[in-house]
Amino acid sequence: MATTQPIRSKKHIHELSVHYLKLGQLRNYVLIVTSLHTALRISDVLRLTWDDVYDFSTKQVRKSITIVEKKTDKPKTIALHSAVISALSLYAPQAAQGGRFLILNSKTDKAISRVQAYRLIRSAAESVKIDHRVSCHSLRKTFGYHAWKAGVSPAVLVEIYNHNSLAVTRRYLGVSQDDKDAVYLGIKLAA
């Protein structure tokens, strides 16, 4: 099985993130934006309910969420990026309902399957002409890659991902030869 890579092009990330918005498919738009900005595994994104992300008493999207990760069984609090809050605010009038899954399969009243999430993400990636394999996990890796490129310490990313070691996170970031070359060419030490 091929290893997925993060999406390195910010242009591609933007095109991917608005693909379903342009089609008026808000659930799928929320799936991608939430996956990109929370660094959650797809199993955890699909377990989110409207109660997790929406305060029904104030009729507003929450500023943060707290979940227990399925894989690690560890609690995690995530501040929601303004892009996620905007996407959820756009989607809430037509979908917010207590006890209901955020990424709902309307035929079953359960969350869509991981396979369906993969198909939606892959289809959007193909539509915007991303030329490498993109999966649900690519979106999680994309968050870390761009956080690292922006100067976030890998040690912080270890904590965000709940990885056991820095070595795991380093592999996860998908650092390419181009990234290494940019460092070699960008550091001037001698005249």
Protein backbone atom coordinates (compact mmCIF):
# COMPACT_ATOMS: atom_id res chain seq x y z
CA MET A 1 0.00 0.00 0.00
CA ALA A 2 1.38 3.41 -0.94
CA THR A 3 2.10 5.94 1.76
CA THR A 4 0.03 9.08 1.59
CA GLN A 5 1.74 12.43 1.53
CA PRO A 6 0.66 15.82 2.80
CA ILE A 7 -0.62 18.32 0.28
CA ARG A 8 2.27 20.76 -0.03
CA SER A 9 0.76 23.32 -2.41
CA LYS A 10 -1.30 25.97 -0.63
CA LYS A 11 -3.09 26.60 -3.92
CA HIS A 12 -4.17 22.95 -4.02
CA ILE A 13 -5.25 23.08 -0.38
CA HIS A 14 -7.42 26.09 -1.06
CA GLU A 15 -8.94 24.54 -4.19
CA LEU A 16 -9.60 21.28 -2.31
CA SER A 17 -11.13 23.07 0.66
CA VAL A 18 -13.64 25.04 -1.44
CA HIS A 19 -14.40 22.34 -4.01
CA TYR A 20 -17.60 21.15 -2.34
CA LEU A 21 -18.55 24.66 -1.21
CA LYS A 22 -18.68 25.70 -4.86
CA LEU A 23 -20.95 22.71 -5.53
CA GLY A 24 -23.23 23.64 -2.62
CA GLN A 25 -22.41 20.39 -0.78
CA LEU A 26 -21.90 21.82 2.70
CA ARG A 27 -21.52 18.51 4.54
CA ASN A 28 -18.59 17.54 2.31
CA TYR A 29 -17.13 21.04 2.62
CA VAL A 30 -17.26 20.74 6.43
CA LEU A 31 -15.64 17.28 6.22
CA ILE A 32 -12.60 18.64 4.38
CA VAL A 33 -12.21 21.91 6.29
CA THR A 34 -12.59 20.17 9.66
CA SER A 35 -10.15 17.43 8.69
CA LEU A 36 -7.56 19.95 7.48
CA HIS A 37 -7.74 22.21 10.53
CA THR A 38 -8.09 19.77 13.44
CA ALA A 39 -5.45 17.17 12.51
CA LEU A 40 -7.88 14.50 13.71
CA ARG A 41 -7.93 10.99 12.33
CA ILE A 42 -10.92 10.44 10.06
CA SER A 43 -12.43 8.04 12.60
CA ASP A 44 -12.57 10.92 15.10
CA VAL A 45 -13.91 13.45 12.58
CA LEU A 46 -16.72 11.05 11.69
CA ARG A 47 -17.61 10.55 15.37
CA LEU A 48 -18.19 14.27 15.92
CA THR A 49 -21.77 15.26 16.64
CA TRP A 50 -23.43 18.64 16.51
CA ASP A 51 -23.41 18.60 20.33
CA ASP A 52 -19.59 18.53 20.17
CA VAL A 53 -19.30 21.60 17.93
CA TYR A 54 -22.46 23.64 18.49
CA ASP A 55 -23.97 25.34 21.54
CA PHE A 56 -27.71 25.01 21.05
CA SER A 57 -28.54 27.47 23.85
CA THR A 58 -26.62 30.33 22.18
CA LYS A 59 -27.05 29.00 18.63
CA GLN A 60 -23.33 29.42 17.97
CA VAL A 61 -20.47 27.19 16.93
CA ARG A 62 -18.16 26.42 19.84
CA LYS A 63 -14.66 27.96 19.88
CA SER A 64 -13.12 24.62 20.86
CA ILE A 65 -14.02 20.96 21.13
CA THR A 66 -12.98 18.25 23.55
CA ILE A 67 -12.99 14.64 22.44
CA VAL A 68 -11.50 11.32 23.48
CA GLU A 69 -9.49 9.97 20.56
CA LYS A 70 -10.69 6.60 19.38
CA LYS A 71 -7.24 5.15 18.65
CA THR A 72 -5.36 6.43 21.71
CA ASP A 73 -8.27 6.71 24.17
CA LYS A 74 -6.71 10.03 25.23
CA PRO A 75 -8.69 13.24 25.77
CA LYS A 76 -7.89 16.10 23.44
CA THR A 77 -9.04 19.71 23.32
CA ILE A 78 -8.81 21.50 19.98
CA ALA A 79 -9.30 25.21 19.40
CA LEU A 80 -11.38 25.56 16.27
CA HIS A 81 -9.81 27.64 13.51
CA SER A 82 -11.94 30.46 12.10
CA ALA A 83 -12.23 28.51 8.82
CA VAL A 84 -13.89 25.62 10.69
CA ILE A 85 -16.16 27.97 12.63
CA SER A 86 -17.20 29.69 9.38
CA ALA A 87 -17.87 26.38 7.63
CA LEU A 88 -19.89 25.05 10.56
CA SER A 89 -21.82 28.33 10.85
CA LEU A 90 -22.73 28.08 7.18
CA TYR A 91 -23.83 24.44 7.55
CA ALA A 92 -25.63 24.73 10.91
CA PRO A 93 -28.92 26.28 9.72
CA GLN A 94 -29.65 23.27 7.53
CA ALA A 95 -28.07 20.49 9.60
CA ALA A 96 -27.59 21.28 13.31
CA GLN A 97 -29.64 18.98 15.47
CA GLY A 98 -28.83 17.61 18.91
CA GLY A 99 -27.52 14.05 18.90
CA ARG A 100 -26.97 14.09 15.15
CA PHE A 101 -23.62 13.29 13.55
CA LEU A 102 -21.84 16.23 11.97
CA ILE A 103 -20.96 14.31 8.80
CA LEU A 104 -24.31 12.56 8.50
CA ASN A 105 -25.36 9.84 6.11
CA SER A 106 -28.97 10.94 5.73
CA LYS A 107 -30.07 7.46 4.65
CA THR A 108 -28.92 5.77 7.86
CA ASP A 109 -28.86 8.64 10.41
CA LYS A 110 -25.30 7.57 11.20
CA ALA A 111 -22.05 9.17 10.12
CA ILE A 112 -20.84 8.42 6.62
CA SER A 113 -18.40 5.54 6.43
CA ARG A 114 -14.63 5.90 6.27
CA VAL A 115 -14.80 4.53 2.72
CA GLN A 116 -17.31 7.19 1.71
CA ALA A 117 -15.14 9.90 3.32
CA TYR A 118 -12.15 8.60 1.37
CA ARG A 119 -14.13 8.65 -1.89
CA LEU A 120 -15.28 12.24 -1.29
CA ILE A 121 -11.77 13.45 -0.48
CA ARG A 122 -10.19 11.54 -3.36
CA SER A 123 -12.80 12.83 -5.80
CA ALA A 124 -12.22 16.43 -4.74
CA ALA A 125 -8.43 15.95 -5.01
CA GLU A 126 -8.80 14.55 -8.53
CA SER A 127 -11.11 17.42 -9.50
CA VAL A 128 -8.55 20.02 -8.45
CA LYS A 129 -5.79 18.02 -10.15
CA ILE A 130 -3.63 17.10 -7.19
CA ASP A 131 -1.09 14.79 -8.82
CA HIS A 132 -0.36 12.43 -5.94
CA ARG A 133 -2.38 9.99 -3.89
CA VAL A 134 -4.63 11.85 -1.47
CA SER A 135 -6.54 10.08 1.28
CA CYS A 136 -8.27 11.06 4.50
CA HIS A 137 -4.93 10.74 6.26
CA SER A 138 -3.33 13.18 3.81
CA LEU A 139 -5.41 15.95 5.36
CA ARG A 140 -4.12 15.11 8.85
CA LYS A 141 -0.56 15.08 7.51
CA THR A 142 -1.14 18.35 5.63
CA PHE A 143 -1.88 20.12 8.90
CA GLY A 144 1.40 18.99 10.44
CA TYR A 145 3.48 19.66 7.37
CA HIS A 146 2.29 23.26 7.08
CA ALA A 147 2.53 23.82 10.83
CA TRP A 148 6.15 22.62 10.67
CA LYS A 149 6.86 24.85 7.64
CA ALA A 150 5.42 27.79 9.61
CA GLY A 151 7.92 27.14 12.40
CA VAL A 152 5.91 25.05 14.86
CA SER A 153 8.24 22.86 16.89
CA PRO A 154 8.10 19.17 16.02
CA ALA A 155 7.82 18.53 19.76
CA VAL A 156 4.50 20.40 19.78
CA LEU A 157 3.35 18.37 16.78
CA VAL A 158 4.18 15.16 18.66
CA GLU A 159 1.71 16.33 21.32
CA ILE A 160 -0.94 17.41 18.80
CA TYR A 161 -0.79 14.06 17.04
CA ASN A 162 -0.47 12.05 20.28
CA HIS A 163 2.48 10.21 18.75
CA ASN A 164 4.80 8.16 20.94
CA SER A 165 8.01 9.70 19.61
CA LEU A 166 9.54 12.48 17.58
CA ALA A 167 10.74 9.87 15.08
CA VAL A 168 7.15 8.93 14.24
CA THR A 169 6.20 12.59 13.76
CA ARG A 170 9.27 13.25 11.58
CA ARG A 171 8.22 10.46 9.20
CA TYR A 172 4.67 11.74 9.32
CA LEU A 173 5.59 15.22 8.16
CA GLY A 174 6.76 13.91 4.80
CA VAL A 175 9.78 16.17 4.54
CA SER A 176 10.90 16.06 0.90
CA GLN A 177 14.26 16.61 -0.75
CA ASP A 178 12.96 19.98 -1.94
CA ASP A 179 12.38 20.97 1.70
CA LYS A 180 15.91 19.92 2.61
CA ASP A 181 17.36 21.71 -0.43
CA ALA A 182 15.58 24.94 0.58
CA VAL A 183 17.31 24.78 3.97
CA TYR A 184 20.74 24.15 2.40
CA LEU A 185 20.27 27.01 -0.05
CA GLY A 186 18.69 29.38 2.44
CA ILE A 187 21.31 29.34 5.20
CA LYS A 188 24.19 31.71 4.41
CA LEU A 189 27.12 31.24 6.75
CA ALA A 190 30.12 32.38 4.72
CA ALA A 191 30.76 35.23 2.31
